[in-house]
Amino acid sequence: LDGHSQSFGRVLTIVAPDMALLEREGKLMLLALPVAERWLKQAQLTPGENAACAQPLLIPVRLKINHEETGVLQRAQALLAEMGIEIVLDAQHVTIRAVPLPLRQQNLQILIPELIGYLAQQSVFEPGNIAQWIARNLISEHPQWSMAQAITLLADVERLCPQLVKAPPGGLLQPVDLHSVMNALKHE
């Protein structure tokens, strides 16, 4: 039973394009898959024991930047490297040489300038906040979810984000109330 409390439960089906209907301890729950995916990516991007390692890009991405952006990136370079984002700076360009797995499928020409803009607004660089910002700005790889993708995602979330299983935020998991439906069926 103790091991079962570390789980969201069993995926029964996919509802709509991005919700999973789960069965947990005899109760039905609805889980928002994009929210779970965002929490997982945030955990993967946060430096620490589960942090994503840098994966070299086959073709490095080179972007033109101004003097202020160069200063921002110089201040953030070490922290970004801890998060798996390896950059090289020269006078007017930044070259992205490696990114962590959660960023592999993203359009870096759009994401990196937005990230630089976000960093420019921060007086202190907090890894958790940067990881959260990136996770919120990633485009989901799954417009339509399958059972297999949902099961894999939940296994990863349960492993990397056990706190979400114990105390899920409201936007992630909601119980499905069947009492009104059952009462309607009994009183027909």
C-alpha atoms as a PDB file:
ATOM      1  CA  LEU A   1       0.000   0.000   0.000  1.00  0.00           C
ATOM      2  CA  ASP A   2       2.860   2.365   0.780  1.00  0.00           C
ATOM      3  CA  GLY A   3       4.237   1.866  -2.743  1.00  0.00           C
ATOM      4  CA  HIS A   4       0.798   2.552  -4.182  1.00  0.00           C
ATOM      5  CA  SER A   5       0.742   6.007  -2.555  1.00  0.00           C
ATOM      6  CA  GLN A   6       3.744   6.862  -4.766  1.00  0.00           C
ATOM      7  CA  SER A   7       1.564   6.467  -7.876  1.00  0.00           C
ATOM      8  CA  PHE A   8      -1.126   8.500  -9.615  1.00  0.00           C
ATOM      9  CA  GLY A   9      -2.899   5.225 -10.359  1.00  0.00           C
ATOM     10  CA  ARG A  10      -3.759   3.373 -13.538  1.00  0.00           C
ATOM     11  CA  VAL A  11      -4.418   5.139 -16.855  1.00  0.00           C
ATOM     12  CA  LEU A  12      -7.832   3.954 -18.099  1.00  0.00           C
ATOM     13  CA  THR A  13      -8.193   6.064 -21.238  1.00  0.00           C
ATOM     14  CA  ILE A  14      -7.390   9.385 -22.882  1.00  0.00           C
ATOM     15  CA  VAL A  15     -10.240  11.908 -22.771  1.00  0.00           C
ATOM     16  CA  ALA A  16     -10.320  14.766 -25.291  1.00  0.00           C
ATOM     17  CA  PRO A  17      -6.877  15.375 -26.779  1.00  0.00           C
ATOM     18  CA  ASP A  18      -4.918  15.909 -23.554  1.00  0.00           C
ATOM     19  CA  MET A  19      -6.597  14.487 -20.424  1.00  0.00           C
ATOM     20  CA  ALA A  20      -6.006  11.063 -18.878  1.00  0.00           C
ATOM     21  CA  LEU A  21      -8.734   9.281 -16.919  1.00  0.00           C
ATOM     22  CA  LEU A  22      -7.053   7.489 -14.010  1.00  0.00           C
ATOM     23  CA  GLU A  23      -8.245   4.956 -11.471  1.00  0.00           C
ATOM     24  CA  ARG A  24      -6.649   5.332  -8.041  1.00  0.00           C
ATOM     25  CA  GLU A  25      -7.799   3.467  -4.951  1.00  0.00           C
ATOM     26  CA  GLY A  26     -11.264   2.897  -6.405  1.00  0.00           C
ATOM     27  CA  LYS A  27     -11.735   6.563  -7.371  1.00  0.00           C
ATOM     28  CA  LEU A  28     -11.657   8.145 -10.808  1.00  0.00           C
ATOM     29  CA  MET A  29      -9.382  11.115 -11.424  1.00  0.00           C
ATOM     30  CA  LEU A  30      -8.811  13.344 -14.431  1.00  0.00           C
ATOM     31  CA  LEU A  31      -5.200  14.385 -15.058  1.00  0.00           C
ATOM     32  CA  ALA A  32      -4.118  17.251 -17.343  1.00  0.00           C
ATOM     33  CA  LEU A  33      -1.277  15.741 -19.404  1.00  0.00           C
ATOM     34  CA  PRO A  34       0.214  19.101 -20.587  1.00  0.00           C
ATOM     35  CA  VAL A  35       0.456  20.239 -16.944  1.00  0.00           C
ATOM     36  CA  ALA A  36       2.158  16.985 -15.935  1.00  0.00           C
ATOM     37  CA  GLU A  37       4.494  17.361 -18.924  1.00  0.00           C
ATOM     38  CA  ARG A  38       5.364  20.926 -17.835  1.00  0.00           C
ATOM     39  CA  TRP A  39       6.157  19.779 -14.253  1.00  0.00           C
ATOM     40  CA  LEU A  40       8.359  16.982 -15.638  1.00  0.00           C
ATOM     41  CA  LYS A  41      10.297  19.332 -17.939  1.00  0.00           C
ATOM     42  CA  GLN A  42      10.758  21.787 -15.051  1.00  0.00           C
ATOM     43  CA  ALA A  43      12.194  18.985 -12.887  1.00  0.00           C
ATOM     44  CA  GLN A  44      14.468  17.884 -15.743  1.00  0.00           C
ATOM     45  CA  LEU A  45      15.737  21.443 -16.267  1.00  0.00           C
ATOM     46  CA  THR A  46      16.371  22.283 -12.607  1.00  0.00           C
ATOM     47  CA  PRO A  47      20.057  21.724 -11.736  1.00  0.00           C
ATOM     48  CA  GLY A  48      20.505  18.906  -9.239  1.00  0.00           C
ATOM     49  CA  GLU A  49      20.555  15.125  -9.154  1.00  0.00           C
ATOM     50  CA  ASN A  50      17.896  14.721 -11.895  1.00  0.00           C
ATOM     51  CA  ALA A  51      19.092  17.596 -14.066  1.00  0.00           C
ATOM     52  CA  ALA A  52      19.205  17.134 -17.805  1.00  0.00           C
ATOM     53  CA  CYS A  53      22.678  16.835 -19.283  1.00  0.00           C
ATOM     54  CA  ALA A  54      23.738  18.847 -22.299  1.00  0.00           C
ATOM     55  CA  GLN A  55      23.291  17.142 -25.646  1.00  0.00           C
ATOM     56  CA  PRO A  56      25.391  18.646 -28.455  1.00  0.00           C
ATOM     57  CA  LEU A  57      23.430  20.066 -31.387  1.00  0.00           C
ATOM     58  CA  LEU A  58      24.320  18.655 -34.797  1.00  0.00           C
ATOM     59  CA  ILE A  59      24.076  22.182 -36.179  1.00  0.00           C
ATOM     60  CA  PRO A  60      24.809  24.866 -33.545  1.00  0.00           C
ATOM     61  CA  VAL A  61      22.313  27.756 -33.529  1.00  0.00           C
ATOM     62  CA  ARG A  62      23.892  31.208 -34.004  1.00  0.00           C
ATOM     63  CA  LEU A  63      21.896  34.304 -33.056  1.00  0.00           C
ATOM     64  CA  LYS A  64      22.749  37.996 -33.355  1.00  0.00           C
ATOM     65  CA  ILE A  65      22.616  39.794 -29.992  1.00  0.00           C
ATOM     66  CA  ASN A  66      23.203  43.340 -28.796  1.00  0.00           C
ATOM     67  CA  HIS A  67      25.594  44.638 -26.116  1.00  0.00           C
ATOM     68  CA  GLU A  68      23.047  44.412 -23.252  1.00  0.00           C
ATOM     69  CA  GLU A  69      22.106  40.846 -24.212  1.00  0.00           C
ATOM     70  CA  THR A  70      25.792  39.897 -24.263  1.00  0.00           C
ATOM     71  CA  GLY A  71      26.119  41.200 -20.688  1.00  0.00           C
ATOM     72  CA  VAL A  72      23.043  39.247 -19.553  1.00  0.00           C
ATOM     73  CA  LEU A  73      24.367  36.034 -21.104  1.00  0.00           C
ATOM     74  CA  GLN A  74      27.836  36.538 -19.596  1.00  0.00           C
ATOM     75  CA  ARG A  75      26.210  36.737 -16.141  1.00  0.00           C
ATOM     76  CA  ALA A  76      23.969  33.704 -16.804  1.00  0.00           C
ATOM     77  CA  GLN A  77      26.426  31.525 -18.754  1.00  0.00           C
ATOM     78  CA  ALA A  78      27.574  29.314 -15.845  1.00  0.00           C
ATOM     79  CA  LEU A  79      24.021  28.732 -14.610  1.00  0.00           C
ATOM     80  CA  LEU A  80      22.759  27.954 -18.118  1.00  0.00           C
ATOM     81  CA  ALA A  81      25.603  25.417 -18.479  1.00  0.00           C
ATOM     82  CA  GLU A  82      24.443  23.766 -15.211  1.00  0.00           C
ATOM     83  CA  MET A  83      20.984  23.504 -16.822  1.00  0.00           C
ATOM     84  CA  GLY A  84      22.455  21.841 -19.912  1.00  0.00           C
ATOM     85  CA  ILE A  85      22.422  24.909 -22.190  1.00  0.00           C
ATOM     86  CA  GLU A  86      25.949  25.437 -23.520  1.00  0.00           C
ATOM     87  CA  ILE A  87      26.584  28.765 -25.214  1.00  0.00           C
ATOM     88  CA  VAL A  88      29.600  30.500 -26.737  1.00  0.00           C
ATOM     89  CA  LEU A  89      29.658  34.299 -26.858  1.00  0.00           C
ATOM     90  CA  ASP A  90      31.508  36.591 -29.223  1.00  0.00           C
ATOM     91  CA  ALA A  91      31.120  40.327 -29.873  1.00  0.00           C
ATOM     92  CA  GLN A  92      27.711  40.281 -31.585  1.00  0.00           C
ATOM     93  CA  HIS A  93      26.538  36.663 -31.544  1.00  0.00           C
ATOM     94  CA  VAL A  94      25.634  33.824 -29.232  1.00  0.00           C
ATOM     95  CA  THR A  95      26.104  30.264 -30.453  1.00  0.00           C
ATOM     96  CA  ILE A  96      24.053  27.555 -28.767  1.00  0.00           C
ATOM     97  CA  ARG A  97      26.193  24.404 -28.899  1.00  0.00           C
ATOM     98  CA  ALA A  98      24.193  22.043 -26.662  1.00  0.00           C
ATOM     99  CA  VAL A  99      20.779  21.871 -25.005  1.00  0.00           C
ATOM    100  CA  PRO A 100      19.158  19.408 -22.583  1.00  0.00           C
ATOM    101  CA  LEU A 101      16.702  16.784 -23.864  1.00  0.00           C
ATOM    102  CA  PRO A 102      13.554  18.834 -23.050  1.00  0.00           C
ATOM    103  CA  LEU A 103      14.729  21.518 -25.511  1.00  0.00           C
ATOM    104  CA  ARG A 104      15.760  19.194 -28.370  1.00  0.00           C
ATOM    105  CA  GLN A 105      12.474  19.462 -30.292  1.00  0.00           C
ATOM    106  CA  GLN A 106      11.986  23.191 -29.679  1.00  0.00           C
ATOM    107  CA  ASN A 107      12.485  26.084 -32.102  1.00  0.00           C
ATOM    108  CA  LEU A 108      15.599  27.558 -30.485  1.00  0.00           C
ATOM    109  CA  GLN A 109      15.566  30.600 -32.815  1.00  0.00           C
ATOM    110  CA  ILE A 110      12.374  31.662 -31.007  1.00  0.00           C
ATOM    111  CA  LEU A 111      12.937  30.220 -27.507  1.00  0.00           C
ATOM    112  CA  ILE A 112      16.488  31.509 -26.852  1.00  0.00           C
ATOM    113  CA  PRO A 113      15.777  35.216 -27.653  1.00  0.00           C
ATOM    114  CA  GLU A 114      12.674  34.999 -25.416  1.00  0.00           C
ATOM    115  CA  LEU A 115      14.817  33.425 -22.678  1.00  0.00           C
ATOM    116  CA  ILE A 116      17.388  36.235 -23.025  1.00  0.00           C
ATOM    117  CA  GLY A 117      14.542  38.754 -22.675  1.00  0.00           C
ATOM    118  CA  TYR A 118      13.334  36.980 -19.526  1.00  0.00           C
ATOM    119  CA  LEU A 119      16.856  36.858 -18.053  1.00  0.00           C
ATOM    120  CA  ALA A 120      17.351  40.583 -18.780  1.00  0.00           C
ATOM    121  CA  GLN A 121      14.383  41.339 -16.490  1.00  0.00           C
ATOM    122  CA  GLN A 122      15.829  39.341 -13.566  1.00  0.00           C
ATOM    123  CA  SER A 123      18.089  40.974 -11.005  1.00  0.00           C
ATOM    124  CA  VAL A 124      19.060  37.573  -9.551  1.00  0.00           C
ATOM    125  CA  PHE A 125      19.245  34.316 -11.484  1.00  0.00           C
ATOM    126  CA  GLU A 126      17.328  31.612  -9.637  1.00  0.00           C
ATOM    127  CA  PRO A 127      17.691  28.168 -11.311  1.00  0.00           C
ATOM    128  CA  GLY A 128      14.210  27.036 -10.212  1.00  0.00           C
ATOM    129  CA  ASN A 129      12.576  30.158 -11.661  1.00  0.00           C
ATOM    130  CA  ILE A 130      14.491  29.868 -14.940  1.00  0.00           C
ATOM    131  CA  ALA A 131      13.558  26.169 -15.222  1.00  0.00           C
ATOM    132  CA  GLN A 132       9.915  27.070 -14.542  1.00  0.00           C
ATOM    133  CA  TRP A 133       9.966  29.853 -17.169  1.00  0.00           C
ATOM    134  CA  ILE A 134      11.479  27.544 -19.795  1.00  0.00           C
ATOM    135  CA  ALA A 135       9.029  24.717 -18.969  1.00  0.00           C
ATOM    136  CA  ARG A 136       6.074  27.123 -19.337  1.00  0.00           C
ATOM    137  CA  ASN A 137       7.341  28.344 -22.705  1.00  0.00           C
ATOM    138  CA  LEU A 138       8.023  24.973 -24.289  1.00  0.00           C
ATOM    139  CA  ILE A 139       5.670  23.762 -26.995  1.00  0.00           C
ATOM    140  CA  SER A 140       4.219  20.335 -26.217  1.00  0.00           C
ATOM    141  CA  GLU A 141       5.471  17.501 -28.383  1.00  0.00           C
ATOM    142  CA  HIS A 142       2.019  15.871 -28.119  1.00  0.00           C
ATOM    143  CA  PRO A 143      -0.971  17.770 -29.563  1.00  0.00           C
ATOM    144  CA  GLN A 144      -2.842  14.441 -29.372  1.00  0.00           C
ATOM    145  CA  TRP A 145      -1.822  12.037 -26.585  1.00  0.00           C
ATOM    146  CA  SER A 146      -1.818   8.235 -26.778  1.00  0.00           C
ATOM    147  CA  MET A 147      -2.203   5.788 -23.893  1.00  0.00           C
ATOM    148  CA  ALA A 148       1.465   4.780 -24.193  1.00  0.00           C
ATOM    149  CA  GLN A 149       2.643   8.422 -24.067  1.00  0.00           C
ATOM    150  CA  ALA A 150       0.423   9.113 -21.020  1.00  0.00           C
ATOM    151  CA  ILE A 151       1.693   6.016 -19.172  1.00  0.00           C
ATOM    152  CA  THR A 152       5.340   6.915 -19.927  1.00  0.00           C
ATOM    153  CA  LEU A 153       4.796  10.533 -18.823  1.00  0.00           C
ATOM    154  CA  LEU A 154       3.171   9.486 -15.538  1.00  0.00           C
ATOM    155  CA  ALA A 155       5.967   7.010 -14.776  1.00  0.00           C
ATOM    156  CA  ASP A 156       8.551   9.783 -15.326  1.00  0.00           C
ATOM    157  CA  VAL A 157       6.590  12.307 -13.236  1.00  0.00           C
ATOM    158  CA  GLU A 158       6.137   9.781 -10.395  1.00  0.00           C
ATOM    159  CA  ARG A 159       9.894   9.117 -10.438  1.00  0.00           C
ATOM    160  CA  LEU A 160      11.172  12.720 -10.756  1.00  0.00           C
ATOM    161  CA  CYS A 161       8.363  14.641  -9.005  1.00  0.00           C
ATOM    162  CA  PRO A 162       7.126  12.417  -6.127  1.00  0.00           C
ATOM    163  CA  GLN A 163       5.848  15.534  -4.311  1.00  0.00           C
ATOM    164  CA  LEU A 164       3.169  15.913  -7.020  1.00  0.00           C
ATOM    165  CA  VAL A 165       1.785  12.451  -6.239  1.00  0.00           C
ATOM    166  CA  LYS A 166       1.527  13.252  -2.515  1.00  0.00           C
ATOM    167  CA  ALA A 167       0.065  16.755  -2.974  1.00  0.00           C
ATOM    168  CA  PRO A 168      -1.049  17.342  -6.591  1.00  0.00           C
ATOM    169  CA  PRO A 169      -1.782  20.978  -7.510  1.00  0.00           C
ATOM    170  CA  GLY A 170      -5.368  21.723  -8.571  1.00  0.00           C
ATOM    171  CA  GLY A 171      -4.502  22.300 -12.206  1.00  0.00           C
ATOM    172  CA  LEU A 172      -2.923  18.846 -12.486  1.00  0.00           C
ATOM    173  CA  LEU A 173      -5.363  16.336 -10.999  1.00  0.00           C
ATOM    174  CA  GLN A 174      -9.067  16.529 -10.204  1.00  0.00           C
ATOM    175  CA  PRO A 175     -11.392  13.839  -8.809  1.00  0.00           C
ATOM    176  CA  VAL A 176     -14.308  12.836 -11.042  1.00  0.00           C
ATOM    177  CA  ASP A 177     -17.554  12.886  -9.034  1.00  0.00           C
ATOM    178  CA  LEU A 178     -19.762  10.004 -10.126  1.00  0.00           C
ATOM    179  CA  HIS A 179     -22.337  10.339  -7.322  1.00  0.00           C
ATOM    180  CA  SER A 180     -24.670  12.689  -9.225  1.00  0.00           C
ATOM    181  CA  VAL A 181     -24.493  10.454 -12.307  1.00  0.00           C
ATOM    182  CA  MET A 182     -25.113   7.301 -10.262  1.00  0.00           C
ATOM    183  CA  ASN A 183     -28.028   8.956  -8.442  1.00  0.00           C
ATOM    184  CA  ALA A 184     -29.542  10.030 -11.783  1.00  0.00           C
ATOM    185  CA  LEU A 185     -29.315   6.451 -13.022  1.00  0.00           C
ATOM    186  CA  LYS A 186     -30.881   5.050  -9.842  1.00  0.00           C
ATOM    187  CA  HIS A 187     -33.784   7.530  -9.932  1.00  0.00           C
ATOM    188  CA  GLU A 188     -34.615   7.174 -13.643  1.00  0.00           C
END
